[in-house]
N, C-alpha and C. Protein backbone atom coordinates (compact mmCIF):
# COMPACT_ATOMS: atom_id res chain seq x y z
N MET A 1 10.55 31.67 11.64
CA MET A 1 11.01 30.96 12.82
C MET A 1 11.24 29.50 12.46
N THR A 2 12.41 28.98 12.77
CA THR A 2 12.76 27.59 12.50
C THR A 2 12.59 26.77 13.76
N HIS A 3 11.96 25.61 13.60
CA HIS A 3 11.74 24.72 14.74
C HIS A 3 12.76 23.59 14.71
N ASP A 4 13.09 23.08 15.88
CA ASP A 4 13.98 21.92 15.97
C ASP A 4 13.29 20.72 15.32
N PRO A 5 14.06 19.85 14.68
CA PRO A 5 13.44 18.65 14.09
C PRO A 5 12.86 17.76 15.18
N GLN A 6 11.76 17.13 14.88
CA GLN A 6 11.08 16.27 15.83
C GLN A 6 11.50 14.81 15.61
N PRO A 7 11.55 14.00 16.67
CA PRO A 7 11.89 12.59 16.50
C PRO A 7 10.94 11.87 15.55
N SER A 8 9.70 12.33 15.48
CA SER A 8 8.71 11.71 14.61
C SER A 8 8.97 11.99 13.14
N GLY A 9 9.78 13.02 12.87
CA GLY A 9 10.03 13.41 11.48
C GLY A 9 9.03 14.42 10.96
N LEU A 10 8.02 14.74 11.76
CA LEU A 10 7.02 15.72 11.33
C LEU A 10 7.67 17.09 11.20
N SER A 11 7.30 17.79 10.16
CA SER A 11 7.87 19.12 9.96
C SER A 11 6.81 20.22 10.04
N CYS A 12 5.55 19.82 10.18
CA CYS A 12 4.50 20.83 10.34
C CYS A 12 3.43 20.27 11.27
N GLY A 13 2.61 21.15 11.78
CA GLY A 13 1.57 20.73 12.70
C GLY A 13 1.28 21.85 13.69
N LEU A 14 0.55 21.51 14.73
CA LEU A 14 0.19 22.49 15.74
C LEU A 14 1.34 22.68 16.71
N ASN A 15 1.57 23.92 17.10
CA ASN A 15 2.57 24.21 18.12
C ASN A 15 2.09 23.69 19.46
N PHE A 16 2.99 23.22 20.25
CA PHE A 16 2.68 22.75 21.60
C PHE A 16 3.54 23.54 22.56
N LEU A 17 2.95 24.53 23.17
CA LEU A 17 3.70 25.41 24.05
C LEU A 17 3.75 24.84 25.47
N ILE A 18 4.89 24.97 26.08
CA ILE A 18 5.09 24.55 27.46
C ILE A 18 5.42 25.79 28.27
N ASP A 19 4.72 25.95 29.37
CA ASP A 19 4.93 27.11 30.23
C ASP A 19 6.40 27.21 30.64
N SER A 20 7.00 28.33 30.41
CA SER A 20 8.42 28.52 30.74
C SER A 20 8.63 28.89 32.20
N GLU A 21 7.55 28.97 32.98
CA GLU A 21 7.68 29.37 34.38
C GLU A 21 7.21 28.29 35.34
N TRP A 22 7.22 27.03 34.91
CA TRP A 22 6.88 25.95 35.81
C TRP A 22 7.88 25.90 36.96
N THR A 23 7.39 25.48 38.10
CA THR A 23 8.30 25.19 39.21
C THR A 23 8.96 23.84 38.92
N PRO A 24 10.06 23.56 39.58
CA PRO A 24 10.66 22.22 39.40
C PRO A 24 9.67 21.11 39.75
N GLU A 25 8.82 21.34 40.75
CA GLU A 25 7.83 20.34 41.14
C GLU A 25 6.82 20.10 40.03
N GLN A 26 6.36 21.18 39.38
CA GLN A 26 5.41 21.04 38.28
C GLN A 26 6.05 20.30 37.10
N ALA A 27 7.27 20.67 36.77
CA ALA A 27 7.97 20.01 35.66
C ALA A 27 8.15 18.53 35.96
N TYR A 28 8.49 18.21 37.19
CA TYR A 28 8.69 16.81 37.58
C TYR A 28 7.37 16.04 37.52
N ALA A 29 6.27 16.66 37.93
CA ALA A 29 4.97 16.00 37.88
C ALA A 29 4.59 15.66 36.43
N VAL A 30 4.84 16.58 35.52
CA VAL A 30 4.55 16.33 34.10
C VAL A 30 5.47 15.23 33.58
N PHE A 31 6.74 15.28 33.95
CA PHE A 31 7.70 14.25 33.55
C PHE A 31 7.22 12.87 34.01
N GLN A 32 6.77 12.78 35.26
CA GLN A 32 6.27 11.51 35.79
C GLN A 32 5.02 11.04 35.03
N LEU A 33 4.13 11.97 34.72
CA LEU A 33 2.93 11.64 33.96
C LEU A 33 3.30 11.05 32.60
N LEU A 34 4.24 11.68 31.90
CA LEU A 34 4.67 11.18 30.60
C LEU A 34 5.36 9.82 30.72
N ASP A 35 6.13 9.64 31.77
CA ASP A 35 6.79 8.36 32.00
C ASP A 35 5.75 7.27 32.25
N ASP A 36 4.73 7.57 33.04
CA ASP A 36 3.65 6.62 33.30
C ASP A 36 2.88 6.31 32.01
N LEU A 37 2.64 7.32 31.20
CA LEU A 37 1.95 7.11 29.92
C LEU A 37 2.77 6.19 29.03
N ARG A 38 4.08 6.42 28.97
CA ARG A 38 4.97 5.57 28.19
C ARG A 38 4.89 4.12 28.67
N ASP A 39 4.90 3.91 29.99
CA ASP A 39 4.80 2.56 30.54
C ASP A 39 3.48 1.90 30.15
N ARG A 40 2.39 2.64 30.21
CA ARG A 40 1.08 2.08 29.84
C ARG A 40 1.05 1.67 28.37
N ILE A 41 1.58 2.53 27.51
CA ILE A 41 1.61 2.23 26.08
C ILE A 41 2.48 1.00 25.82
N LEU A 42 3.64 0.94 26.45
CA LEU A 42 4.52 -0.22 26.26
C LEU A 42 3.90 -1.50 26.80
N ALA A 43 3.20 -1.42 27.92
CA ALA A 43 2.56 -2.61 28.48
C ALA A 43 1.56 -3.21 27.49
N LYS A 44 0.91 -2.38 26.73
CA LYS A 44 -0.09 -2.84 25.77
C LYS A 44 0.50 -3.14 24.40
N TYR A 45 1.44 -2.33 23.92
CA TYR A 45 1.87 -2.39 22.53
C TYR A 45 3.35 -2.67 22.32
N GLN A 46 4.08 -3.14 23.34
CA GLN A 46 5.52 -3.29 23.22
C GLN A 46 5.94 -4.12 22.01
N LEU A 47 5.32 -5.28 21.80
CA LEU A 47 5.72 -6.13 20.67
C LEU A 47 5.45 -5.46 19.33
N ALA A 48 4.30 -4.80 19.21
CA ALA A 48 3.97 -4.11 17.96
C ALA A 48 4.92 -2.94 17.72
N ILE A 49 5.28 -2.24 18.77
CA ILE A 49 6.22 -1.11 18.64
C ILE A 49 7.59 -1.63 18.21
N MET A 50 8.04 -2.71 18.82
CA MET A 50 9.34 -3.27 18.44
C MET A 50 9.34 -3.73 16.99
N GLU A 51 8.25 -4.34 16.53
CA GLU A 51 8.15 -4.76 15.14
C GLU A 51 8.21 -3.55 14.21
N GLN A 52 7.51 -2.49 14.56
CA GLN A 52 7.55 -1.27 13.76
C GLN A 52 8.96 -0.70 13.71
N MET A 53 9.65 -0.72 14.84
CA MET A 53 11.03 -0.23 14.88
C MET A 53 11.94 -1.08 13.99
N ARG A 54 11.74 -2.41 13.99
CA ARG A 54 12.53 -3.28 13.12
C ARG A 54 12.31 -2.92 11.66
N GLU A 55 11.05 -2.68 11.29
CA GLU A 55 10.73 -2.33 9.91
C GLU A 55 11.38 -1.00 9.51
N GLU A 56 11.34 -0.03 10.41
CA GLU A 56 11.87 1.29 10.09
C GLU A 56 13.39 1.34 10.13
N HIS A 57 14.01 0.59 11.04
CA HIS A 57 15.45 0.70 11.23
C HIS A 57 16.22 -0.53 10.75
N GLY A 58 15.50 -1.56 10.41
CA GLY A 58 16.14 -2.78 9.93
C GLY A 58 16.81 -3.56 11.05
N GLY A 59 16.70 -4.87 10.98
CA GLY A 59 17.41 -5.72 11.93
C GLY A 59 16.82 -5.76 13.32
N GLU A 60 17.68 -6.16 14.23
CA GLU A 60 17.28 -6.34 15.62
C GLU A 60 17.19 -5.00 16.36
N VAL A 61 16.31 -4.96 17.33
CA VAL A 61 16.20 -3.79 18.21
C VAL A 61 16.25 -4.29 19.65
N GLU A 62 16.73 -3.44 20.52
CA GLU A 62 16.77 -3.77 21.95
C GLU A 62 15.35 -3.74 22.51
N PRO A 63 15.03 -4.62 23.46
CA PRO A 63 13.72 -4.54 24.11
C PRO A 63 13.52 -3.17 24.75
N LEU A 64 12.29 -2.71 24.73
CA LEU A 64 11.96 -1.41 25.29
C LEU A 64 11.62 -1.59 26.76
N PRO A 65 12.42 -1.02 27.66
CA PRO A 65 12.16 -1.21 29.09
C PRO A 65 11.01 -0.34 29.57
N PHE A 66 10.29 -0.84 30.54
CA PHE A 66 9.34 0.01 31.25
C PHE A 66 9.40 -0.34 32.71
N ASP A 67 9.00 0.60 33.53
CA ASP A 67 9.24 0.52 34.97
C ASP A 67 8.43 -0.54 35.70
N ASN A 68 7.22 -0.80 35.26
CA ASN A 68 6.34 -1.63 36.05
C ASN A 68 5.79 -2.79 35.21
N PRO A 69 6.38 -3.98 35.30
CA PRO A 69 5.88 -5.10 34.50
C PRO A 69 4.50 -5.58 34.93
N TYR A 70 4.03 -5.15 36.11
CA TYR A 70 2.72 -5.56 36.59
C TYR A 70 1.70 -4.43 36.49
N LEU A 71 1.95 -3.50 35.61
CA LEU A 71 1.10 -2.32 35.46
C LEU A 71 -0.35 -2.69 35.16
N TRP A 72 -0.55 -3.76 34.42
CA TRP A 72 -1.89 -4.17 34.01
C TRP A 72 -2.75 -4.63 35.18
N ILE A 73 -2.16 -4.91 36.33
CA ILE A 73 -2.92 -5.42 37.47
C ILE A 73 -3.88 -4.38 38.02
N SER A 74 -3.49 -3.12 38.06
CA SER A 74 -4.31 -2.08 38.66
C SER A 74 -4.57 -0.96 37.67
N ASP A 75 -5.83 -0.60 37.55
CA ASP A 75 -6.19 0.53 36.70
C ASP A 75 -6.52 1.76 37.53
N GLU A 76 -6.22 1.70 38.84
CA GLU A 76 -6.51 2.84 39.70
C GLU A 76 -5.59 4.00 39.39
N ILE A 77 -6.15 5.19 39.41
CA ILE A 77 -5.35 6.41 39.26
C ILE A 77 -4.99 6.87 40.66
N PRO A 78 -3.68 7.10 40.92
CA PRO A 78 -3.26 7.35 42.30
C PRO A 78 -3.51 8.76 42.82
N PHE A 79 -4.43 9.50 42.25
CA PHE A 79 -4.71 10.84 42.76
C PHE A 79 -6.18 11.14 42.67
């Protein structure tokens, strides 16, 4: 079985299965969770990530956008 190439470049590792019978609501909830996780990571590490991208790709990189520039103000989980 051949797997699609990963953006990370990894070619081996543990399989990560996603339920093929999620409802649209479940899929959207997971999508939102991942988007929120991305925002949290960028809020903390955006400059370091951009520097790493410059090293890997050479030259200038576009700033990495995230949805909430004030994310650091609240650590409450909304559920």
